[in-house]
Amino acid sequence: MLQWLTPWEFSPVLLVVLATGALLYLRGARRLRVSLARQLGFWLGMALIYAALLTHFDYYAQHQFFVDRIQQVLLHHLAPLLIMVSYPLGVLRAGLPLRWRARALRPLARSMPWRAISAVLFNPLLATLSFIALVLVWLIPRVMTLAMLDWRLYMLMNWSMLASGLIYWGLVVDHRRRPPARMAPGLRVLSPALSMTPQILVGAIITFSRTDLYPIFSICGRALDMSVLADQQLGGLITWVPASAIETVGALLALRIWMRLSQHARGRRMPARTTAAARVG
């Protein structure tokens, strides 16, 4: 069991990032009231990232196409959604020492370079397009071959999928109204429905293809005793069904947030109308 939990390819940078995030969250959760459900979502998402990249699961992702698809669904869909639906940013910010927040975080947030960068990174249209494009680009057979042969491209694939997922789901499940939220509530519900469509089409193409689209896994040696087409068909189904199911859940969560925001808006208008009627009377 310990062998399965040891990293196949150790990444000190990723370990430091995960450890820093965990430490800040622990500190912040002690200072703020964080519900058990939110904490469970955050820690489960972090555990999935660790399992996907820093255990022997990564070995099978490099030697079996359908396992690679599971890894990408975890990094791009499930783990980011679990983390962002727990609304961790306030907790992480509270985990920083007060001096750091006053001297570093606030000036950085107000600086023009960060405003320009965040305007691009968190633009709803660009975030949605990159969320879709990264799935499609890394599934191009030639690109997949290069990523499996070059460890730098392989790391770029995993990190880009994770970063894109965190940004996208952070916009979709934002519990605030716009502004300060960057995406309108209605668009948050519609966006997952639009983004899942190309993934369904690509997943169906891979599933029903009768040719070996990714021979690199045969060249590197498949980890499991499985036929080429069976591996490819299962990978296509994973790209098709679980990813779409997770995006459907994300859309339902966004719909729930939209309904809550609408109820709050109606609740604020009702006292105003009552006050106006009383003045007229």
Foldseek 3Di string as FASTA:
>chain_A
DVQQLAFPDDDPVVVVVLVLQVQLLVQLCVVDPADPQLVVLQVVLSVLLCNLGGGCLVVQLLQFLQSVLVSLCSQQFRSLLSNLLSVCPNSSLSSDPPVCCVPPVVVLVPDPVNVVVCCQLQQQVNLLVLSLVLVVVCPQQVNVLVLSVDVVSVVVSRVSSNSSNNSNLNLLLVLDAPVVRNDHLVVSLVSLVVSLVVLQVQLVCQQPDPDQSHCSSVVVHHPDPDDRNVSRNSNSVSSNPPSSVSSNVSSVSSVVSVVVVVVVVVVVVVVVVVVVVVVVD
